[in-house]
Every structure is written in structure tokens, then in C-alpha cells.
C-alpha atoms as a PDB file:
ATOM      1  CA  MET A   1     145.221 128.237 208.038  1.00  0.00           C
ATOM      2  CA  SER A   2     146.449 125.993 210.726  1.00  0.00           C
ATOM      3  CA  GLU A   3     149.387 128.146 211.740  1.00  0.00           C
ATOM      4  CA  ASN A   4     149.079 130.192 214.903  1.00  0.00           C
ATOM      5  CA  VAL A   5     149.430 133.925 214.386  1.00  0.00           C
ATOM      6  CA  GLU A   6     148.037 135.011 217.751  1.00  0.00           C
ATOM      7  CA  ASN A   7     151.425 135.531 219.423  1.00  0.00           C
ATOM      8  CA  ILE A   8     152.144 138.739 217.536  1.00  0.00           C
ATOM      9  CA  ASP A   9     153.342 141.739 219.517  1.00  0.00           C
ATOM     10  CA  PRO A  10     153.290 145.045 217.559  1.00  0.00           C
ATOM     11  CA  GLU A  11     156.198 146.372 219.595  1.00  0.00           C
ATOM     12  CA  ASN A  12     158.300 143.239 219.212  1.00  0.00           C
ATOM     13  CA  ASN A  13     161.233 143.440 216.827  1.00  0.00           C
ATOM     14  CA  ALA A  14     162.345 139.874 217.500  1.00  0.00           C
ATOM     15  CA  SER A  15     163.866 137.930 214.645  1.00  0.00           C
ATOM     16  CA  GLN A  16     161.303 135.090 214.893  1.00  0.00           C
ATOM     17  CA  PRO A  17     158.529 136.205 212.562  1.00  0.00           C
ATOM     18  CA  SER A  18     155.421 134.047 212.804  1.00  0.00           C
ATOM     19  CA  ALA A  19     153.055 135.556 210.234  1.00  0.00           C
ATOM     20  CA  ARG A  20     153.771 135.203 206.514  1.00  0.00           C
ATOM     21  CA  LEU A  21     153.059 138.224 204.328  1.00  0.00           C
ATOM     22  CA  LEU A  22     152.891 138.218 200.541  1.00  0.00           C
ATOM     23  CA  ILE A  23     153.504 141.693 199.163  1.00  0.00           C
ATOM     24  CA  GLY A  24     152.643 142.823 195.659  1.00  0.00           C
ATOM     25  CA  GLU A  25     154.779 145.895 194.961  1.00  0.00           C
ATOM     26  CA  ARG A  26     156.257 147.044 191.630  1.00  0.00           C
ATOM     27  CA  ASP A  27     158.548 149.812 192.892  1.00  0.00           C
ATOM     28  CA  PRO A  28     162.034 148.604 193.954  1.00  0.00           C
ATOM     29  CA  PHE A  29     162.472 151.518 196.383  1.00  0.00           C
ATOM     30  CA  MET A  30     159.165 150.736 198.127  1.00  0.00           C
ATOM     31  CA  ARG A  31     160.008 147.010 198.236  1.00  0.00           C
ATOM     32  CA  ARG A  32     163.238 147.858 200.079  1.00  0.00           C
ATOM     33  CA  ALA A  33     161.405 150.187 202.476  1.00  0.00           C
ATOM     34  CA  LEU A  34     158.722 147.588 203.179  1.00  0.00           C
ATOM     35  CA  GLU A  35     161.303 144.868 203.687  1.00  0.00           C
ATOM     36  CA  LYS A  36     163.222 147.035 206.153  1.00  0.00           C
ATOM     37  CA  THR A  37     160.011 147.855 208.047  1.00  0.00           C
ATOM     38  CA  LEU A  38     158.303 144.462 207.991  1.00  0.00           C
ATOM     39  CA  ALA A  39     161.041 141.796 207.891  1.00  0.00           C
ATOM     40  CA  PRO A  40     161.935 142.163 211.605  1.00  0.00           C
ATOM     41  CA  ARG A  41     158.300 141.409 212.508  1.00  0.00           C
ATOM     42  CA  PHE A  42     157.040 139.112 209.739  1.00  0.00           C
ATOM     43  CA  SER A  43     158.192 136.633 207.134  1.00  0.00           C
ATOM     44  CA  VAL A  44     157.906 138.606 203.872  1.00  0.00           C
ATOM     45  CA  THR A  45     157.806 137.499 200.241  1.00  0.00           C
ATOM     46  CA  PHE A  46     157.503 139.888 197.307  1.00  0.00           C
ATOM     47  CA  ALA A  47     155.787 139.588 193.954  1.00  0.00           C
ATOM     48  CA  GLU A  48     156.470 142.162 191.240  1.00  0.00           C
ATOM     49  CA  ASP A  49     153.328 141.575 189.173  1.00  0.00           C
ATOM     50  CA  GLY A  50     149.786 140.334 189.584  1.00  0.00           C
ATOM     51  CA  VAL A  51     150.232 136.941 187.921  1.00  0.00           C
ATOM     52  CA  ASP A  52     153.233 136.126 190.130  1.00  0.00           C
ATOM     53  CA  LEU A  53     151.286 137.156 193.239  1.00  0.00           C
ATOM     54  CA  LEU A  54     148.286 134.970 192.368  1.00  0.00           C
ATOM     55  CA  GLN A  55     150.521 131.961 191.725  1.00  0.00           C
ATOM     56  CA  ARG A  56     152.396 132.425 194.995  1.00  0.00           C
ATOM     57  CA  ALA A  57     149.159 132.905 196.967  1.00  0.00           C
ATOM     58  CA  GLN A  58     147.703 129.686 195.572  1.00  0.00           C
ATOM     59  CA  GLN A  59     150.878 127.604 195.943  1.00  0.00           C
ATOM     60  CA  ASP A  60     151.665 128.678 199.510  1.00  0.00           C
ATOM     61  CA  PRO A  61     148.817 130.771 200.972  1.00  0.00           C
ATOM     62  CA  PRO A  62     150.171 133.539 203.239  1.00  0.00           C
ATOM     63  CA  HIS A  63     148.512 134.861 206.381  1.00  0.00           C
ATOM     64  CA  LEU A  64     148.014 138.300 204.787  1.00  0.00           C
ATOM     65  CA  ILE A  65     148.523 140.039 201.434  1.00  0.00           C
ATOM     66  CA  LEU A  66     149.719 143.638 201.122  1.00  0.00           C
ATOM     67  CA  LEU A  67     148.767 144.835 197.658  1.00  0.00           C
ATOM     68  CA  GLU A  68     149.622 147.780 195.417  1.00  0.00           C
ATOM     69  CA  ALA A  69     146.658 148.619 193.166  1.00  0.00           C
ATOM     70  CA  LEU A  70     148.896 149.520 190.210  1.00  0.00           C
ATOM     71  CA  LEU A  71     150.700 146.230 189.604  1.00  0.00           C
ATOM     72  CA  PRO A  72     151.748 145.235 186.084  1.00  0.00           C
ATOM     73  CA  VAL A  73     150.089 142.391 184.127  1.00  0.00           C
ATOM     74  CA  LYS A  74     147.031 142.266 186.458  1.00  0.00           C
ATOM     75  CA  ASP A  75     146.104 145.209 188.653  1.00  0.00           C
ATOM     76  CA  GLY A  76     145.461 144.905 192.374  1.00  0.00           C
ATOM     77  CA  PHE A  77     141.678 145.167 192.040  1.00  0.00           C
ATOM     78  CA  GLN A  78     141.515 142.199 189.644  1.00  0.00           C
ATOM     79  CA  ILE A  79     143.920 140.248 191.849  1.00  0.00           C
ATOM     80  CA  CYS A  80     141.807 140.901 194.935  1.00  0.00           C
ATOM     81  CA  ARG A  81     138.596 139.811 193.170  1.00  0.00           C
ATOM     82  CA  GLU A  82     140.288 136.593 192.032  1.00  0.00           C
ATOM     83  CA  LEU A  83     141.700 135.898 195.498  1.00  0.00           C
ATOM     84  CA  LYS A  84     138.335 136.465 197.164  1.00  0.00           C
ATOM     85  CA  SER A  85     136.491 134.238 194.663  1.00  0.00           C
ATOM     86  CA  ASN A  86     138.900 131.302 195.127  1.00  0.00           C
ATOM     87  CA  PRO A  87     138.043 128.969 198.067  1.00  0.00           C
ATOM     88  CA  LEU A  88     141.768 128.375 198.625  1.00  0.00           C
ATOM     89  CA  THR A  89     142.556 132.086 199.116  1.00  0.00           C
ATOM     90  CA  GLN A  90     139.263 133.831 199.980  1.00  0.00           C
ATOM     91  CA  HIS A  91     140.032 133.837 203.727  1.00  0.00           C
ATOM     92  CA  ILE A  92     143.339 135.728 203.318  1.00  0.00           C
ATOM     93  CA  PRO A  93     143.059 139.368 204.410  1.00  0.00           C
ATOM     94  CA  VAL A  94     144.066 141.796 201.656  1.00  0.00           C
ATOM     95  CA  VAL A  95     145.389 145.252 202.531  1.00  0.00           C
ATOM     96  CA  PHE A  96     145.611 147.721 199.672  1.00  0.00           C
ATOM     97  CA  PHE A  97     148.683 149.949 200.090  1.00  0.00           C
ATOM     98  CA  THR A  98     148.818 152.340 197.169  1.00  0.00           C
ATOM     99  CA  LEU A  99     149.280 155.867 195.851  1.00  0.00           C
ATOM    100  CA  LEU A 100     145.952 155.593 194.055  1.00  0.00           C
ATOM    101  CA  SER A 101     143.080 157.220 195.922  1.00  0.00           C
ATOM    102  CA  ALA A 102     140.641 154.371 195.324  1.00  0.00           C
ATOM    103  CA  GLU A 103     139.381 153.228 198.695  1.00  0.00           C
ATOM    104  CA  GLU A 104     135.871 152.466 197.405  1.00  0.00           C
ATOM    105  CA  ARG A 105     137.212 150.427 194.463  1.00  0.00           C
ATOM    106  CA  ALA A 106     139.429 148.463 196.864  1.00  0.00           C
ATOM    107  CA  ARG A 107     136.487 147.748 199.180  1.00  0.00           C
ATOM    108  CA  LEU A 108     134.281 146.657 196.269  1.00  0.00           C
ATOM    109  CA  ALA A 109     137.055 144.353 195.033  1.00  0.00           C
ATOM    110  CA  GLY A 110     137.033 142.630 198.439  1.00  0.00           C
ATOM    111  CA  GLY A 111     139.888 144.421 200.191  1.00  0.00           C
ATOM    112  CA  ASP A 112     139.944 144.159 203.973  1.00  0.00           C
ATOM    113  CA  ALA A 113     141.798 147.442 204.561  1.00  0.00           C
ATOM    114  CA  PHE A 114     143.115 150.410 202.604  1.00  0.00           C
ATOM    115  CA  LEU A 115     146.174 152.555 203.317  1.00  0.00           C
ATOM    116  CA  LEU A 116     147.484 155.397 201.190  1.00  0.00           C
ATOM    117  CA  LYS A 117     151.190 155.765 200.520  1.00  0.00           C
ATOM    118  CA  PRO A 118     153.601 157.204 201.606  1.00  0.00           C
ATOM    119  CA  LEU A 119     154.710 154.634 204.145  1.00  0.00           C
ATOM    120  CA  ARG A 120     153.587 155.457 207.676  1.00  0.00           C
ATOM    121  CA  GLU A 121     155.231 152.640 209.585  1.00  0.00           C
ATOM    122  CA  THR A 122     153.105 152.794 212.736  1.00  0.00           C
ATOM    123  CA  LYS A 123     149.781 152.844 210.859  1.00  0.00           C
ATOM    124  CA  LEU A 124     150.886 150.014 208.565  1.00  0.00           C
ATOM    125  CA  ILE A 125     152.064 147.790 211.442  1.00  0.00           C
ATOM    126  CA  GLU A 126     148.912 148.490 213.487  1.00  0.00           C
ATOM    127  CA  THR A 127     146.650 147.625 210.527  1.00  0.00           C
ATOM    128  CA  LEU A 128     148.527 144.400 209.761  1.00  0.00           C
ATOM    129  CA  HIS A 129     148.444 143.295 213.409  1.00  0.00           C
ATOM    130  CA  ARG A 130     144.739 144.082 213.730  1.00  0.00           C
ATOM    131  CA  LEU A 131     143.903 141.955 210.687  1.00  0.00           C
ATOM    132  CA  LEU A 132     146.214 139.135 211.737  1.00  0.00           C
ATOM    133  CA  GLN A 133     144.636 139.089 215.191  1.00  0.00           C
ATOM    134  CA  SER A 134     141.196 138.871 213.577  1.00  0.00           C
ATOM    135  CA  ILE A 135     142.372 135.659 211.862  1.00  0.00           C
ATOM    136  CA  GLY A 136     143.037 134.109 215.270  1.00  0.00           C
ATOM    137  CA  SER A 137     139.679 135.359 216.536  1.00  0.00           C
ATOM    138  CA  GLU A 138     137.887 134.021 213.466  1.00  0.00           C
ATOM    139  CA  ALA A 139     139.537 130.626 213.855  1.00  0.00           C
ATOM    140  CA  SER A 140     138.608 130.326 217.517  1.00  0.00           C
ATOM    141  CA  HIS A 141     135.112 131.875 217.323  1.00  0.00           C
ATOM    142  CA  GLY A 142     134.013 131.052 213.771  1.00  0.00           C
ATOM    143  CA  THR A 143     133.437 134.702 212.929  1.00  0.00           C
ATOM    144  CA  HIS A 144     134.958 137.186 210.540  1.00  0.00           C
ATOM    145  CA  SER A 145     135.346 140.880 211.195  1.00  0.00           C
ATOM    146  CA  ASN A 146     134.012 143.056 208.387  1.00  0.00           C
ATOM    147  CA  GLU A 147     136.080 145.921 209.731  1.00  0.00           C
ATOM    148  CA  TYR A 148     137.392 148.115 206.964  1.00  0.00           C
ATOM    149  CA  PRO A 149     140.140 150.341 208.412  1.00  0.00           C
ATOM    150  CA  ARG A 150     140.367 153.650 206.612  1.00  0.00           C
ATOM    151  CA  SER A 151     143.595 155.215 205.501  1.00  0.00           C
ATOM    152  CA  GLY A 152     145.162 157.537 207.988  1.00  0.00           C
END
């Protein structure tokens, strides 16, 4: 990614989002809640099923993917494995955000972080910022953090 995502302030609610998030979420209520929480801080795009998410990620790779494990057509674990095995998308951090208590399955699929629903705004924002900052660090230092934040 050539775009700079280092100028992200977790407390900033400015209307100039710099990081692009692709969110795979099937529930309309949760999509609205996530949009309300994340849109002031990030540029957000939603996919309602796994096939749509994979296509969007390959056509216009986002900075980060927020992923429900229980998506229709292809589940989040399969999506994550496909993303991480594709050279075009393998660098994109994937955060599982789900009702399913499957942290180990998410990690084995290649997930970079795991958060259990319900939505805890502060924890979600902190996790997204931490992973986005690691992208900037990786780009400038040639390293990748294997940090796997646990749900909280």
C-alpha cells in the first residue's frame, strides 16, 4: 500500500478519514452501528457476503478488513485463508468481529485480531488503530507485527 495511514488519531472525529476499511457484515443493524461508529474516523465500505468481500478486496485493496465469521456464501474463515494466500491481499490486516467464540479458528485462518460482539466502541477503535499503525511501521521498517490482540 502506498497510502499513508500513519496520521491516525484515535480521539479524532474529523471528517477526513484516511484509512479505508472493508467490512464483511451480514446483519443490517450491526452494519448501521459500525457505520455510525467508524465512518467519522475511517472510509468504510460494506460487503454482505464472502464472495462480494473477496471481489472488493482484490479490486481495490483496503487498509484493513473487519470480518464477521458467519457470512453467507463463504464464511469468514475461508475468506481470511483466501485473502492471506493471495499476494495481492495477504498484507491486509484482518480483524474478526463476531458472535462466534472461535478465536483459535480465526488465528489459524490467518486473522490478525479477534473481537467478540457486542460492539465495544473503544476496544474496536483501539484495535483498528493499533493494526493500522503497524502497517506504517512495517512499511518503514520492513517488519510485521505478529501481535494477536485478544477479545476484551
